[in-house]
N, C-alpha and C. Protein backbone atom coordinates (compact mmCIF):
# COMPACT_ATOMS: atom_id res chain seq x y z
N MET A 1 -12.43 2.22 -10.74
CA MET A 1 -12.27 2.56 -9.33
C MET A 1 -10.90 2.08 -8.85
N LYS A 2 -10.23 2.91 -8.08
CA LYS A 2 -8.92 2.56 -7.57
C LYS A 2 -9.05 1.55 -6.44
N LYS A 3 -8.08 0.63 -6.36
CA LYS A 3 -8.11 -0.31 -5.25
C LYS A 3 -7.58 0.38 -4.00
N ARG A 4 -7.99 -0.13 -2.84
CA ARG A 4 -7.56 0.43 -1.56
C ARG A 4 -6.77 -0.64 -0.82
N ILE A 5 -5.63 -0.23 -0.28
CA ILE A 5 -4.77 -1.14 0.47
C ILE A 5 -4.55 -0.57 1.86
N ASP A 6 -4.85 -1.36 2.89
CA ASP A 6 -4.57 -0.98 4.28
C ASP A 6 -3.23 -1.58 4.68
N ILE A 7 -2.35 -0.75 5.23
CA ILE A 7 -1.00 -1.17 5.61
C ILE A 7 -0.71 -0.68 7.02
N HIS A 8 -0.03 -1.51 7.79
CA HIS A 8 0.51 -1.09 9.08
C HIS A 8 2.01 -0.93 8.88
N GLY A 9 2.51 0.27 9.12
CA GLY A 9 3.92 0.52 8.91
C GLY A 9 4.26 1.99 9.02
N THR A 10 5.42 2.36 8.46
CA THR A 10 5.90 3.73 8.53
C THR A 10 6.46 4.14 7.17
N LEU A 11 6.55 5.44 6.97
CA LEU A 11 7.15 5.98 5.76
C LEU A 11 8.67 6.00 5.91
N GLU A 12 9.36 5.62 4.85
CA GLU A 12 10.83 5.67 4.85
C GLU A 12 11.31 7.11 4.70
N PHE A 13 10.59 7.91 3.90
CA PHE A 13 10.95 9.30 3.60
C PHE A 13 9.68 10.15 3.65
N PRO A 14 9.82 11.45 3.83
CA PRO A 14 8.64 12.32 3.79
C PRO A 14 7.92 12.21 2.44
N LEU A 15 6.61 12.38 2.47
CA LEU A 15 5.81 12.32 1.24
C LEU A 15 6.01 13.59 0.42
N VAL A 16 6.12 13.42 -0.90
CA VAL A 16 6.27 14.53 -1.83
C VAL A 16 5.34 14.27 -3.01
N ILE A 17 4.49 15.24 -3.31
CA ILE A 17 3.59 15.10 -4.46
C ILE A 17 4.44 14.92 -5.73
N GLY A 18 4.07 13.93 -6.54
CA GLY A 18 4.79 13.67 -7.78
C GLY A 18 5.91 12.67 -7.66
N CYS A 19 6.25 12.27 -6.43
CA CYS A 19 7.31 11.28 -6.20
C CYS A 19 6.72 10.02 -5.58
N ALA A 20 7.40 8.92 -5.74
CA ALA A 20 6.96 7.66 -5.15
C ALA A 20 7.06 7.73 -3.62
N ALA A 21 6.18 7.00 -2.95
CA ALA A 21 6.26 6.84 -1.49
C ALA A 21 6.94 5.50 -1.21
N PHE A 22 7.78 5.47 -0.21
CA PHE A 22 8.45 4.24 0.22
C PHE A 22 7.93 3.91 1.61
N ILE A 23 7.26 2.77 1.73
CA ILE A 23 6.60 2.37 2.96
C ILE A 23 7.25 1.11 3.51
N ARG A 24 7.63 1.16 4.78
CA ARG A 24 8.17 -0.03 5.47
C ARG A 24 7.02 -0.65 6.24
N GLN A 25 6.60 -1.83 5.82
CA GLN A 25 5.49 -2.52 6.48
C GLN A 25 5.96 -3.13 7.80
N SER A 26 5.04 -3.24 8.76
CA SER A 26 5.37 -3.91 10.03
C SER A 26 5.71 -5.37 9.78
N VAL A 27 4.98 -5.97 8.84
CA VAL A 27 5.23 -7.36 8.45
C VAL A 27 5.24 -7.41 6.93
N GLY A 28 6.28 -7.92 6.36
CA GLY A 28 6.34 -8.03 4.91
C GLY A 28 7.41 -7.15 4.30
N GLU A 29 7.45 -7.18 2.98
CA GLU A 29 8.44 -6.44 2.22
C GLU A 29 8.11 -4.95 2.14
N PRO A 30 9.13 -4.10 1.97
CA PRO A 30 8.86 -2.67 1.75
C PRO A 30 8.07 -2.46 0.45
N ILE A 31 7.34 -1.37 0.39
CA ILE A 31 6.52 -1.05 -0.77
C ILE A 31 7.01 0.27 -1.37
N ARG A 32 7.11 0.29 -2.70
CA ARG A 32 7.36 1.53 -3.44
C ARG A 32 6.11 1.78 -4.27
N THR A 33 5.48 2.94 -4.07
CA THR A 33 4.24 3.24 -4.78
C THR A 33 4.54 3.94 -6.11
N SER A 34 3.52 4.09 -6.91
CA SER A 34 3.62 4.98 -8.07
C SER A 34 3.60 6.42 -7.53
N PRO A 35 3.83 7.42 -8.37
CA PRO A 35 3.89 8.80 -7.87
C PRO A 35 2.64 9.22 -7.07
N VAL A 36 2.88 9.91 -5.97
CA VAL A 36 1.81 10.37 -5.07
C VAL A 36 1.09 11.56 -5.72
N LYS A 37 -0.24 11.49 -5.73
CA LYS A 37 -1.04 12.59 -6.26
C LYS A 37 -1.60 13.46 -5.14
N HIS A 38 -1.91 12.83 -4.00
CA HIS A 38 -2.53 13.54 -2.88
C HIS A 38 -2.29 12.73 -1.61
N PHE A 39 -2.17 13.41 -0.48
CA PHE A 39 -2.10 12.70 0.80
C PHE A 39 -2.65 13.59 1.90
N ILE A 40 -3.08 12.93 2.96
CA ILE A 40 -3.58 13.65 4.14
C ILE A 40 -3.20 12.84 5.37
N ARG A 41 -2.72 13.55 6.39
CA ARG A 41 -2.38 12.92 7.66
C ARG A 41 -3.42 13.32 8.69
N LEU A 42 -3.93 12.34 9.41
CA LEU A 42 -4.92 12.60 10.45
C LEU A 42 -4.24 12.67 11.81
N PRO A 43 -4.83 13.37 12.78
CA PRO A 43 -4.25 13.43 14.12
C PRO A 43 -4.08 12.05 14.76
N SER A 44 -4.87 11.08 14.33
CA SER A 44 -4.77 9.73 14.89
C SER A 44 -3.49 9.01 14.45
N GLY A 45 -2.77 9.60 13.50
CA GLY A 45 -1.55 8.98 13.00
C GLY A 45 -1.74 8.24 11.69
N VAL A 46 -2.98 8.10 11.25
CA VAL A 46 -3.27 7.44 9.97
C VAL A 46 -2.97 8.41 8.84
N THR A 47 -2.35 7.90 7.77
CA THR A 47 -2.05 8.70 6.59
C THR A 47 -2.74 8.07 5.39
N TYR A 48 -3.51 8.87 4.67
CA TYR A 48 -4.14 8.41 3.43
C TYR A 48 -3.29 8.92 2.28
N ILE A 49 -2.89 8.00 1.40
CA ILE A 49 -2.04 8.33 0.25
C ILE A 49 -2.76 7.90 -1.01
N GLN A 50 -2.91 8.82 -1.94
CA GLN A 50 -3.53 8.49 -3.22
C GLN A 50 -2.48 8.60 -4.31
N THR A 51 -2.35 7.52 -5.09
CA THR A 51 -1.46 7.52 -6.23
C THR A 51 -2.31 7.40 -7.50
N GLN A 52 -1.65 7.29 -8.62
CA GLN A 52 -2.38 7.18 -9.87
C GLN A 52 -3.26 5.94 -9.91
N ASN A 53 -2.81 4.85 -9.28
CA ASN A 53 -3.51 3.58 -9.38
C ASN A 53 -4.19 3.11 -8.11
N THR A 54 -3.75 3.58 -6.96
CA THR A 54 -4.15 2.97 -5.69
C THR A 54 -4.36 4.02 -4.61
N ARG A 55 -5.22 3.69 -3.66
CA ARG A 55 -5.39 4.48 -2.43
C ARG A 55 -4.84 3.64 -1.28
N TYR A 56 -3.90 4.20 -0.55
CA TYR A 56 -3.30 3.51 0.59
C TYR A 56 -3.80 4.14 1.87
N CYS A 57 -4.06 3.30 2.85
CA CYS A 57 -4.39 3.75 4.20
C CYS A 57 -3.28 3.23 5.10
N LEU A 58 -2.37 4.11 5.49
CA LEU A 58 -1.20 3.74 6.26
C LEU A 58 -1.47 3.96 7.74
N HIS A 59 -1.51 2.86 8.49
CA HIS A 59 -1.74 2.90 9.93
C HIS A 59 -0.40 2.81 10.64
N PRO A 60 -0.22 3.55 11.74
CA PRO A 60 1.03 3.41 12.49
C PRO A 60 1.14 1.99 13.04
N PRO A 61 2.38 1.51 13.22
CA PRO A 61 2.55 0.16 13.78
C PRO A 61 1.85 0.05 15.13
N ALA A 62 1.33 -1.13 15.43
CA ALA A 62 0.63 -1.36 16.69
C ALA A 62 1.59 -1.18 17.85
N LYS A 63 1.14 -0.47 18.88
CA LYS A 63 2.00 -0.24 20.05
C LYS A 63 2.34 -1.54 20.75
N ALA A 64 1.40 -2.44 20.83
CA ALA A 64 1.65 -3.73 21.49
C ALA A 64 2.76 -4.49 20.78
N ALA A 65 2.77 -4.46 19.46
CA ALA A 65 3.80 -5.16 18.70
C ALA A 65 5.15 -4.49 18.90
N ALA A 66 5.14 -3.16 18.99
CA ALA A 66 6.39 -2.42 19.15
C ALA A 66 7.04 -2.66 20.51
N THR A 67 6.22 -2.91 21.52
CA THR A 67 6.76 -3.14 22.87
C THR A 67 6.70 -4.62 23.25
N LYS A 68 6.55 -5.48 22.27
CA LYS A 68 6.48 -6.93 22.48
C LYS A 68 5.44 -7.28 23.53
N GLU A 69 4.21 -6.91 23.20
CA GLU A 69 3.03 -7.20 24.02
C GLU A 69 3.12 -6.63 25.41
N GLY A 70 3.51 -5.36 25.50
CA GLY A 70 3.49 -4.65 26.77
C GLY A 70 4.78 -4.70 27.55
N ARG A 71 5.75 -5.50 27.10
CA ARG A 71 7.04 -5.58 27.80
C ARG A 71 8.04 -4.65 27.13
N THR A 72 8.82 -3.95 27.91
CA THR A 72 9.83 -3.05 27.34
C THR A 72 11.20 -3.65 27.42
């Protein structure tokens, strides 16, 4: 069974089947995945990415964190 990783962050580049995904985490180091086999984007902004070894659940960065807890 593939492991599942939940990440809050954004994609560095558009997803392409057969190529690695580059993910910039909200907190932590950037991630480079193994080649993407399948992905789906939901209207909520969540992206599910399946690679050969792992399933990633990419959540958009929290709005509160982006606006420094409601302050602009």
